[in-house]
Amino acid sequence: MNNAKTIDVTVERTIPASPGDVFDAWLNPKIPGTPWNMADKLLLNPTVDGFFYWAFKGTPHYGRFTAVERAARMQHTWMSPNTSGLESTVTVTFKAIGKGTLMTLMHSGLPDTDGGRSHKKGWNFFLDAFPGHFATAARAAK
């Protein structure tokens, strides 16, 4: 049994689009701001029990989808060198707020190490870039 202390990282963004559009975009590897878009190598099967593998700057990340509820929630396991061999869990929820969506990403079960804590910076990096897709799409629709 592993008694190592773990931490959770939570990152939120309000995005000017419907929960369904935000959910679909998050799983689209062609959209900047998703981790899948930044991959050097990508295998992605976003269905329950589907696996993903992505390498970013030579660092492998992989896991298995455990919940996929369109426009509401997705959850998958997550392993990388920065999880110190622990299987952590990423849960992303999509909640309608006015005409937009509150997207909440919680990464739980991370080791309380520099590598584990670095996930907060990593997820903020992606979620800082992701809403730009919707601004670009809105400008293109005008």
Protein backbone atom coordinates (compact mmCIF):
# COMPACT_ATOMS: atom_id res chain seq x y z
CA MET A 1 0.00 0.00 0.00
CA ASN A 2 1.29 3.43 -0.92
CA ASN A 3 0.97 5.90 1.97
CA ALA A 4 2.49 8.82 0.07
CA LYS A 5 0.73 12.13 0.59
CA THR A 6 -1.28 13.26 -2.43
CA ILE A 7 -2.68 16.59 -3.55
CA ASP A 8 -5.46 17.81 -5.83
CA VAL A 9 -5.15 20.59 -8.39
CA THR A 10 -8.25 22.48 -9.57
CA VAL A 11 -8.31 24.93 -12.49
CA GLU A 12 -11.43 26.75 -13.74
CA ARG A 13 -12.26 28.91 -16.73
CA THR A 14 -15.48 30.48 -17.96
CA ILE A 15 -15.72 29.97 -21.71
CA PRO A 16 -18.10 31.86 -24.04
CA ALA A 17 -19.77 28.80 -25.59
CA SER A 18 -22.31 26.11 -24.70
CA PRO A 19 -21.31 23.13 -22.55
CA GLY A 20 -21.69 20.80 -25.56
CA ASP A 21 -19.44 22.96 -27.73
CA VAL A 22 -16.81 23.24 -24.99
CA PHE A 23 -16.94 19.48 -24.29
CA ASP A 24 -16.54 18.64 -27.99
CA ALA A 25 -13.72 21.15 -28.44
CA TRP A 26 -11.80 19.81 -25.42
CA LEU A 27 -11.68 16.38 -27.08
CA ASN A 28 -10.71 17.73 -30.52
CA PRO A 29 -6.95 17.41 -31.11
CA LYS A 30 -7.13 20.08 -33.85
CA ILE A 31 -8.07 22.80 -31.36
CA PRO A 32 -5.23 24.76 -29.73
CA GLY A 33 -5.25 24.78 -25.95
CA THR A 34 -6.12 21.13 -25.54
CA PRO A 35 -3.38 18.80 -24.37
CA TRP A 36 -4.15 16.59 -27.38
CA ASN A 37 -3.29 19.46 -29.76
CA MET A 38 0.18 19.89 -28.29
CA ALA A 39 1.12 16.23 -28.67
CA ASP A 40 4.17 15.12 -30.60
CA LYS A 41 2.55 11.64 -30.75
CA LEU A 42 -1.14 11.00 -30.01
CA LEU A 43 -3.44 8.02 -29.62
CA LEU A 44 -6.90 9.11 -28.39
CA ASN A 45 -10.03 7.01 -27.89
CA PRO A 46 -12.37 9.14 -25.70
CA THR A 47 -14.90 6.42 -24.82
CA VAL A 48 -15.38 4.63 -21.50
CA ASP A 49 -12.45 2.21 -21.17
CA GLY A 50 -10.77 3.89 -24.16
CA PHE A 51 -7.09 4.67 -23.77
CA PHE A 52 -5.06 7.76 -24.58
CA TYR A 53 -1.34 8.22 -25.01
CA TRP A 54 0.34 11.47 -25.82
CA ALA A 55 3.92 12.52 -25.82
CA PHE A 56 4.76 16.19 -25.28
CA LYS A 57 8.38 17.25 -25.72
CA GLY A 58 9.31 13.58 -25.40
CA THR A 59 7.42 13.08 -22.12
CA PRO A 60 4.77 10.33 -22.22
CA HIS A 61 1.32 10.78 -20.65
CA TYR A 62 -1.28 8.03 -20.72
CA GLY A 63 -4.50 6.85 -19.15
CA ARG A 64 -7.95 5.38 -19.58
CA PHE A 65 -11.30 7.16 -19.84
CA THR A 66 -13.61 6.14 -16.97
CA ALA A 67 -16.57 8.48 -17.69
CA VAL A 68 -17.65 10.31 -20.83
CA GLU A 69 -20.94 12.20 -20.44
CA ARG A 70 -21.23 14.66 -23.34
CA ALA A 71 -21.74 18.29 -22.32
CA ALA A 72 -21.50 17.44 -18.60
CA ARG A 73 -18.41 15.54 -17.48
CA MET A 74 -15.46 13.40 -18.47
CA GLN A 75 -13.00 11.56 -16.31
CA HIS A 76 -9.83 9.67 -17.04
CA THR A 77 -6.84 8.25 -15.27
CA TRP A 78 -3.49 9.95 -15.79
CA MET A 79 0.07 8.76 -15.51
CA SER A 80 3.28 10.49 -16.47
CA PRO A 81 6.81 10.69 -15.09
CA ASN A 82 5.57 13.55 -12.87
CA THR A 83 3.04 11.30 -11.11
CA SER A 84 5.90 9.16 -9.69
CA GLY A 85 4.22 5.97 -10.88
CA LEU A 86 0.89 6.84 -9.28
CA GLU A 87 -2.29 6.62 -11.32
CA SER A 88 -4.03 9.94 -10.75
CA THR A 89 -7.49 11.05 -11.94
CA VAL A 90 -8.53 14.00 -14.11
CA THR A 91 -12.19 15.06 -13.91
CA VAL A 92 -13.47 17.81 -16.21
CA THR A 93 -16.97 19.23 -15.72
CA PHE A 94 -18.93 21.61 -17.95
CA LYS A 95 -21.66 23.72 -16.33
CA ALA A 96 -23.85 26.27 -18.14
CA ILE A 97 -23.36 29.77 -16.71
CA GLY A 98 -25.51 32.33 -18.56
CA LYS A 99 -24.50 32.07 -22.23
CA GLY A 100 -21.18 30.46 -21.35
CA THR A 101 -19.73 27.41 -19.64
CA LEU A 102 -17.82 27.05 -16.40
CA MET A 103 -15.17 24.43 -17.19
CA THR A 104 -13.62 22.92 -14.06
CA LEU A 105 -10.65 20.57 -14.28
CA MET A 106 -9.71 18.73 -11.11
CA HIS A 107 -6.62 16.54 -11.11
CA SER A 108 -6.68 14.39 -7.97
CA GLY A 109 -4.32 11.86 -6.43
CA LEU A 110 -1.14 13.62 -7.52
CA PRO A 111 1.97 13.01 -5.45
CA ASP A 112 2.86 15.89 -3.13
CA THR A 113 6.16 16.43 -4.94
CA ASP A 114 7.55 19.11 -7.25
CA GLY A 115 6.44 16.92 -10.18
CA GLY A 116 2.94 16.53 -8.80
CA ARG A 117 2.59 20.23 -8.02
CA SER A 118 3.84 21.10 -11.54
CA HIS A 119 0.50 19.89 -12.93
CA LYS A 120 -1.13 23.13 -11.73
CA LYS A 121 1.18 25.13 -14.01
CA GLY A 122 0.62 22.64 -16.84
CA TRP A 123 -3.18 22.70 -16.66
CA ASN A 124 -3.18 26.51 -16.37
CA PHE A 125 -1.03 26.64 -19.52
CA PHE A 126 -3.65 24.68 -21.47
CA LEU A 127 -6.69 26.40 -19.99
CA ASP A 128 -5.18 29.84 -20.61
CA ALA A 129 -4.90 29.01 -24.34
CA PHE A 130 -8.11 26.97 -24.81
CA PRO A 131 -10.73 29.80 -24.61
CA GLY A 132 -8.97 31.59 -27.48
CA HIS A 133 -10.49 29.03 -29.88
CA PHE A 134 -13.98 30.29 -29.03
CA ALA A 135 -13.03 33.94 -29.51
CA THR A 136 -11.55 33.06 -32.91
CA ALA A 137 -14.67 31.05 -33.84
CA ALA A 138 -16.95 33.94 -32.80
CA ARG A 139 -14.95 36.41 -34.94
CA ALA A 140 -15.08 34.02 -37.91
CA ALA A 141 -18.87 33.69 -37.56
CA LYS A 142 -19.40 37.46 -37.88
